């Protein structure tokens, strides 16, 4: 797909929340809010995740000194069935809402949609929000923790937290430069434990499409941040790029790996969830790099597709950011 060039679109502010109970992620001192609760005084994990989104939505409005009536559009996505967390969070506000689902690439999809509307002067601003809750994801996609099911080293650990961001045509130091919307890729992969292997080809194809459509060399970017491929998925990505497109780079890093400092000696391959990419982007990456390519990675399998013995399919969307001094 052609590269989508944005005109005068910026990320004005963001709000990050993470659960400090989740294996002590490396960003605890950098987030806006750290909590130690999966429930947040609700009866279920699912409702607790709704509160995650509520905290980052209201926290961002306060941080940016905006009121609800200042928001033209809210865009939300999560991993729960039928976007439970995003829908119920949005129901608390009288704001136009779009629910999006690209699995763990949902936040990047939201940025692309918001930036497209703002860049064409259809909106003044948009609020993008996403979340995940480890115990919700474990129950929905694997097994409830209480089952004590054995995990494989290629398994990821779903991060618990939420992220929100406001994008507008008001100039800031983070410019949304362009984007590429990815294709759904089916490589016949069937191991639901290994989501990195499912998503890596989709990330590779979107990265190649981005470079081809922009005419850029991979070294144009200071860093290329993938969402949640994990330590093995990143290896698959690099091998795929080299074998199919003769592309090599030491600038590719994975947010899920960074979040938990995962190594091959770890009990799991890294973090997963739609919050991985924006959490690492806003707490680490924008403080260090100027030209940034973010590649959200999403495994589009579900309980139904697994029960039907269908292969796992993946998607990846890319957003090019420039940090301005």
Protein backbone atom coordinates (compact mmCIF):
# COMPACT_ATOMS: atom_id res chain seq x y z
CA UNK A 1 0.00 0.00 0.00
CA UNK A 2 1.09 3.56 -0.65
CA UNK A 3 2.56 5.58 2.16
CA UNK A 4 0.06 7.97 3.78
CA UNK A 5 1.70 11.35 4.25
CA UNK A 6 0.26 13.49 7.03
CA UNK A 7 0.03 17.23 7.01
CA UNK A 8 0.47 19.13 10.24
CA UNK A 9 -0.38 16.31 12.70
CA UNK A 10 1.21 16.03 16.13
CA UNK A 11 1.00 13.97 19.30
CA UNK A 12 0.39 16.69 21.87
CA UNK A 13 0.44 14.64 25.05
CA UNK A 14 0.03 11.16 26.49
CA UNK A 15 -0.75 9.37 29.74
CA UNK A 16 0.72 6.01 30.72
CA UNK A 17 -0.36 3.52 33.38
CA UNK A 18 1.22 0.19 34.26
CA UNK A 19 0.68 -2.44 36.92
CA UNK A 20 3.76 -2.81 39.09
CA UNK A 21 2.67 -6.37 39.97
CA UNK A 22 3.51 -7.57 36.47
CA UNK A 23 7.07 -8.83 36.92
CA UNK A 24 8.37 -5.34 37.77
CA UNK A 25 8.60 -3.82 34.29
CA UNK A 26 11.52 -1.52 33.60
CA UNK A 27 9.42 1.61 33.14
CA UNK A 28 7.92 1.97 36.63
CA UNK A 29 9.77 5.23 37.27
CA UNK A 30 8.80 6.68 33.89
CA UNK A 31 5.03 6.17 33.72
CA UNK A 32 2.43 8.71 34.81
CA UNK A 33 0.73 6.22 37.12
CA UNK A 34 1.73 2.89 38.63
CA UNK A 35 -0.86 0.68 40.33
CA UNK A 36 -0.80 -2.64 42.18
CA UNK A 37 -4.29 -3.85 41.45
CA UNK A 38 -5.89 -5.92 38.69
CA UNK A 39 -9.41 -5.16 39.95
CA UNK A 40 -9.45 -1.46 40.96
CA UNK A 41 -12.36 -2.12 43.33
CA UNK A 42 -14.39 -3.93 40.67
CA UNK A 43 -15.70 -7.49 40.88
CA UNK A 44 -13.92 -8.80 37.80
CA UNK A 45 -10.62 -8.38 35.96
CA UNK A 46 -12.56 -7.30 32.88
CA UNK A 47 -14.20 -4.41 34.71
CA UNK A 48 -10.86 -3.56 36.27
CA UNK A 49 -9.44 -3.06 32.78
CA UNK A 50 -12.26 -0.63 32.00
CA UNK A 51 -11.03 1.39 34.97
CA UNK A 52 -7.50 1.30 33.54
CA UNK A 53 -8.82 3.09 30.48
CA UNK A 54 -10.86 5.50 32.58
CA UNK A 55 -7.79 6.49 34.58
CA UNK A 56 -5.67 7.23 31.51
CA UNK A 57 -8.52 9.01 29.71
CA UNK A 58 -9.27 11.36 32.59
CA UNK A 59 -5.60 11.62 33.50
CA UNK A 60 -4.73 12.77 30.00
CA UNK A 61 -7.51 15.36 29.92
CA UNK A 62 -6.23 16.79 33.20
CA UNK A 63 -2.61 16.67 32.04
CA UNK A 64 -3.46 18.48 28.79
CA UNK A 65 -5.90 20.86 30.52
CA UNK A 66 -8.75 19.83 28.24
CA UNK A 67 -12.43 19.18 28.82
CA UNK A 68 -14.54 16.44 27.27
CA UNK A 69 -16.15 18.93 24.92
CA UNK A 70 -12.68 19.69 23.51
CA UNK A 71 -12.40 16.13 22.16
CA UNK A 72 -13.85 15.61 18.67
CA UNK A 73 -13.29 11.86 18.55
CA UNK A 74 -12.25 9.04 20.84
CA UNK A 75 -10.65 5.94 19.27
CA UNK A 76 -10.22 2.86 21.44
CA UNK A 77 -9.12 -0.74 21.12
CA UNK A 78 -8.30 -3.65 23.42
CA UNK A 79 -8.11 -7.45 23.43
CA UNK A 80 -11.33 -8.27 25.24
CA UNK A 81 -14.27 -9.83 23.42
CA UNK A 82 -16.08 -7.17 21.35
CA UNK A 83 -13.81 -4.41 22.74
CA UNK A 84 -15.42 -4.61 26.17
CA UNK A 85 -12.94 -2.30 27.91
CA UNK A 86 -12.93 0.36 25.20
CA UNK A 87 -16.69 0.37 24.71
CA UNK A 88 -17.53 0.66 28.38
CA UNK A 89 -14.91 3.31 28.93
CA UNK A 90 -16.34 5.32 26.02
CA UNK A 91 -19.85 4.97 27.45
CA UNK A 92 -18.84 7.27 30.31
CA UNK A 93 -18.42 10.25 27.99
CA UNK A 94 -20.63 11.93 25.43
CA UNK A 95 -17.91 11.90 22.80
CA UNK A 96 -18.05 10.36 19.29
CA UNK A 97 -16.30 6.99 19.43
CA UNK A 98 -14.67 4.54 17.04
CA UNK A 99 -13.75 1.08 18.30
CA UNK A 100 -10.83 -0.50 16.44
CA UNK A 101 -9.30 -3.96 16.49
CA UNK A 102 -5.93 -4.99 15.14
CA UNK A 103 -5.14 -7.00 18.27
CA UNK A 104 -1.86 -5.71 19.69
CA UNK A 105 -1.51 -3.25 16.78
CA UNK A 106 -4.75 -1.47 17.74
CA UNK A 107 -3.15 1.66 19.21
CA UNK A 108 -1.11 2.23 16.05
CA UNK A 109 -4.27 1.74 13.97
CA UNK A 110 -5.98 4.35 16.14
CA UNK A 111 -3.16 6.84 15.56
CA UNK A 112 -3.41 6.31 11.80
CA UNK A 113 -7.18 6.88 11.75
CA UNK A 114 -7.00 9.95 13.94
CA UNK A 115 -4.07 11.43 12.03
CA UNK A 116 -5.84 10.84 8.70
CA UNK A 117 -8.92 12.78 9.81
CA UNK A 118 -6.94 15.58 11.45
CA UNK A 119 -4.57 15.89 8.49
CA UNK A 120 -7.54 16.45 6.20
CA UNK A 121 -9.00 19.06 8.54
CA UNK A 122 -11.99 16.91 9.42
CA UNK A 123 -11.19 17.07 13.14
CA UNK A 124 -9.37 19.37 15.52
CA UNK A 125 -8.18 16.61 17.81
CA UNK A 126 -8.64 12.96 18.71
CA UNK A 127 -7.97 10.92 21.82
CA UNK A 128 -6.58 7.41 21.25
CA UNK A 129 -6.68 4.88 24.10
CA UNK A 130 -5.83 1.23 24.63
CA UNK A 131 -5.33 -1.22 27.48
CA UNK A 132 -4.67 -4.80 28.49
CA UNK A 133 -4.94 -6.80 31.70
CA UNK A 134 -2.76 -9.89 32.14
CA UNK A 135 -5.39 -11.94 33.93
CA UNK A 136 -8.07 -11.09 31.36
CA UNK A 137 -5.80 -12.14 28.50
CA UNK A 138 -4.65 -15.31 30.22
CA UNK A 139 -8.25 -16.35 30.86
CA UNK A 140 -9.43 -15.46 27.37
CA UNK A 141 -6.55 -16.70 25.22
CA UNK A 142 -4.78 -19.35 27.30
CA UNK A 143 -5.85 -20.61 30.72
CA UNK A 144 -6.87 -18.89 33.95
CA UNK A 145 -3.82 -18.56 36.17
CA UNK A 146 -5.49 -20.74 38.80
CA UNK A 147 -5.24 -23.73 36.44
CA UNK A 148 -1.46 -23.72 36.82
CA UNK A 149 -1.00 -24.55 33.14
CA UNK A 150 2.60 -24.96 32.02
CA UNK A 151 3.95 -22.20 29.81
CA UNK A 152 6.41 -22.47 26.95
CA UNK A 153 9.45 -20.22 26.66
CA UNK A 154 7.99 -18.75 23.46
CA UNK A 155 4.91 -17.59 25.39
CA UNK A 156 4.62 -13.88 26.01
CA UNK A 157 3.44 -12.30 29.25
CA UNK A 158 0.49 -9.96 28.70
CA UNK A 159 1.26 -6.56 30.18
CA UNK A 160 -1.26 -4.87 32.47
CA UNK A 161 -1.89 -1.18 31.98
CA UNK A 162 -3.28 1.46 29.65
CA UNK A 163 -2.08 4.29 27.42
CA UNK A 164 -3.84 7.33 25.97
CA UNK A 165 -2.66 10.06 23.62
CA UNK A 166 -4.09 13.25 22.13
CA UNK A 167 -3.27 14.03 18.52
CA UNK A 168 -4.14 17.31 16.79
CA UNK A 169 -2.86 19.93 14.36
CA UNK A 170 -1.47 21.93 17.26
CA UNK A 171 2.30 21.88 16.90
CA UNK A 172 4.30 19.90 19.45
CA UNK A 173 7.67 18.14 19.53
CA UNK A 174 6.27 14.81 18.26
CA UNK A 175 5.19 14.97 14.62
CA UNK A 176 3.20 12.16 13.03
CA UNK A 177 4.97 12.16 9.66
CA UNK A 178 3.42 9.28 7.72
CA UNK A 179 2.01 5.76 7.95
CA UNK A 180 1.49 2.49 6.13
CA UNK A 181 -1.52 0.25 6.68
CA UNK A 182 -0.54 -3.41 6.70
CA UNK A 183 -1.96 -6.48 4.99
CA UNK A 184 -3.21 -9.57 6.81
CA UNK A 185 -0.60 -12.30 6.37
CA UNK A 186 -1.25 -16.04 6.70
CA UNK A 187 1.87 -18.22 6.79
CA UNK A 188 0.03 -21.33 8.00
CA UNK A 189 1.36 -20.95 11.55
CA UNK A 190 -0.72 -22.91 14.08
CA UNK A 191 1.08 -22.71 17.46
CA UNK A 192 -0.97 -20.26 19.53
CA UNK A 193 1.77 -20.22 22.14
CA UNK A 194 4.18 -18.58 19.70
CA UNK A 195 2.56 -15.33 18.59
CA UNK A 196 5.91 -13.85 17.58
CA UNK A 197 6.23 -16.32 14.73
CA UNK A 198 2.73 -15.42 13.56
CA UNK A 199 3.31 -11.65 13.55
CA UNK A 200 6.90 -11.42 12.30
CA UNK A 201 6.09 -11.92 8.59
CA UNK A 202 3.36 -9.25 8.76
CA UNK A 203 5.81 -6.81 10.37
CA UNK A 204 8.41 -7.60 7.71
CA UNK A 205 5.97 -7.01 4.86
CA UNK A 206 4.75 -3.70 6.28
CA UNK A 207 8.31 -2.54 6.92
CA UNK A 208 9.27 -3.41 3.35
CA UNK A 209 6.16 -1.67 1.96
CA UNK A 210 7.00 1.42 3.98
CA UNK A 211 10.58 1.59 2.76
CA UNK A 212 9.56 0.92 -0.83
CA UNK A 213 6.72 3.46 -0.88
CA UNK A 214 8.83 6.19 0.75
CA UNK A 215 12.05 5.40 -1.13
CA UNK A 216 13.90 5.29 2.18
CA UNK A 217 16.78 3.12 3.29
CA UNK A 218 16.23 1.25 6.53
CA UNK A 219 19.03 3.33 8.10
CA UNK A 220 16.94 6.47 7.58
CA UNK A 221 15.46 5.74 11.00
CA UNK A 222 17.33 6.07 14.26
CA UNK A 223 15.24 3.21 15.64
CA UNK A 224 12.57 0.81 14.40
CA UNK A 225 10.28 -0.22 17.27
CA UNK A 226 8.17 -3.36 16.91
CA UNK A 227 5.25 -3.96 19.24
CA UNK A 228 5.43 -7.36 20.88
CA UNK A 229 7.26 -9.92 18.76
CA UNK A 230 9.32 -11.16 21.70
CA UNK A 231 12.93 -12.29 21.58
CA UNK A 232 12.21 -15.14 19.16
CA UNK A 233 9.82 -13.15 16.99
CA UNK A 234 12.47 -10.48 16.43
CA UNK A 235 14.84 -13.21 15.23
CA UNK A 236 12.17 -14.47 12.82
CA UNK A 237 11.63 -10.91 11.57
CA UNK A 238 15.30 -10.31 10.85
CA UNK A 239 15.69 -13.69 9.17
CA UNK A 240 12.61 -13.06 7.00
CA UNK A 241 13.81 -9.59 5.97
CA UNK A 242 17.25 -10.89 5.08
CA UNK A 243 16.12 -13.95 3.14
CA UNK A 244 13.27 -12.34 1.19
CA UNK A 245 14.40 -8.72 0.78
CA UNK A 246 18.14 -8.74 1.59
CA UNK A 247 17.50 -6.16 4.33
CA UNK A 248 19.62 -6.15 7.48
CA UNK A 249 19.48 -3.76 10.43
CA UNK A 250 20.71 -3.54 14.00
CA UNK A 251 18.24 -0.73 14.70
CA UNK A 252 15.22 -2.98 15.19
CA UNK A 253 14.16 -3.31 18.83
CA UNK A 254 11.02 -4.83 20.33
CA UNK A 255 8.86 -3.11 22.93
CA UNK A 256 7.74 -6.39 24.50
CA UNK A 257 11.36 -7.45 24.98
CA UNK A 258 12.30 -4.05 26.44
CA UNK A 259 9.36 -3.95 28.82
CA UNK A 260 10.59 -6.96 30.79
CA UNK A 261 14.26 -7.07 29.77
CA UNK A 262 13.55 -10.50 28.30
CA UNK A 263 16.39 -12.78 27.26
CA UNK A 264 16.59 -16.40 26.15
CA UNK A 265 17.22 -17.25 29.79
CA UNK A 266 13.86 -15.73 30.77
CA UNK A 267 10.81 -17.85 31.52
CA UNK A 268 8.90 -16.10 28.74
CA UNK A 269 9.69 -14.35 25.47
CA UNK A 270 8.68 -10.82 26.49
CA UNK A 271 5.62 -8.70 26.99
CA UNK A 272 2.54 -8.67 24.80
CA UNK A 273 -0.57 -6.56 24.45
CA UNK A 274 -1.54 -3.34 22.64
CA UNK A 275 0.05 -1.25 25.40
CA UNK A 276 3.61 -2.54 24.80
CA UNK A 277 4.48 -0.32 21.83
CA UNK A 278 3.03 2.95 23.19
CA UNK A 279 4.36 2.33 26.71
CA UNK A 280 7.94 1.93 25.50
CA UNK A 281 7.51 4.65 22.86
CA UNK A 282 6.41 7.30 25.35
CA UNK A 283 8.60 6.31 28.30
CA UNK A 284 11.86 5.47 26.52
CA UNK A 285 12.04 5.96 22.77
CA UNK A 286 10.98 9.57 22.25
CA UNK A 287 13.48 10.68 24.89
CA UNK A 288 16.40 9.19 22.97
CA UNK A 289 15.66 9.13 19.22
CA UNK A 290 14.59 11.65 16.57
CA UNK A 291 13.42 9.61 13.59
CA UNK A 292 11.26 6.71 14.77
CA UNK A 293 9.33 4.03 12.92
CA UNK A 294 6.78 2.21 15.07
CA UNK A 295 5.45 -1.10 13.76
CA UNK A 296 2.46 -2.36 15.70
CA UNK A 297 2.19 -6.16 15.58
CA UNK A 298 -1.10 -8.01 15.93
CA UNK A 299 -1.98 -11.70 16.03
CA UNK A 300 -5.59 -11.88 14.82
CA UNK A 301 -6.41 -15.31 16.20
CA UNK A 302 -9.30 -15.83 18.61
CA UNK A 303 -10.80 -18.59 20.72
CA UNK A 304 -13.11 -19.37 17.80
CA UNK A 305 -10.35 -19.57 15.21
CA UNK A 306 -8.33 -21.84 17.49
CA UNK A 307 -11.31 -24.13 18.11
CA UNK A 308 -11.89 -24.30 14.36
CA UNK A 309 -8.23 -25.34 13.91
CA UNK A 310 -7.56 -22.32 11.71
CA UNK A 311 -4.04 -20.98 11.20
CA UNK A 312 -2.96 -17.84 13.02
CA UNK A 313 -2.95 -14.71 10.90
CA UNK A 314 -1.03 -11.52 11.59
CA UNK A 315 -1.14 -7.83 10.73
CA UNK A 316 1.16 -4.87 11.23
CA UNK A 317 0.68 -1.14 10.80
CA UNK A 318 3.50 1.41 10.65
CA UNK A 319 3.68 5.01 11.87
CA UNK A 320 6.66 7.29 11.20
CA UNK A 321 7.33 9.86 13.93
CA UNK A 322 9.79 12.71 14.10
CA UNK A 323 10.83 14.23 17.41
CA UNK A 324 11.47 17.94 16.94
CA UNK A 325 13.83 19.89 19.17
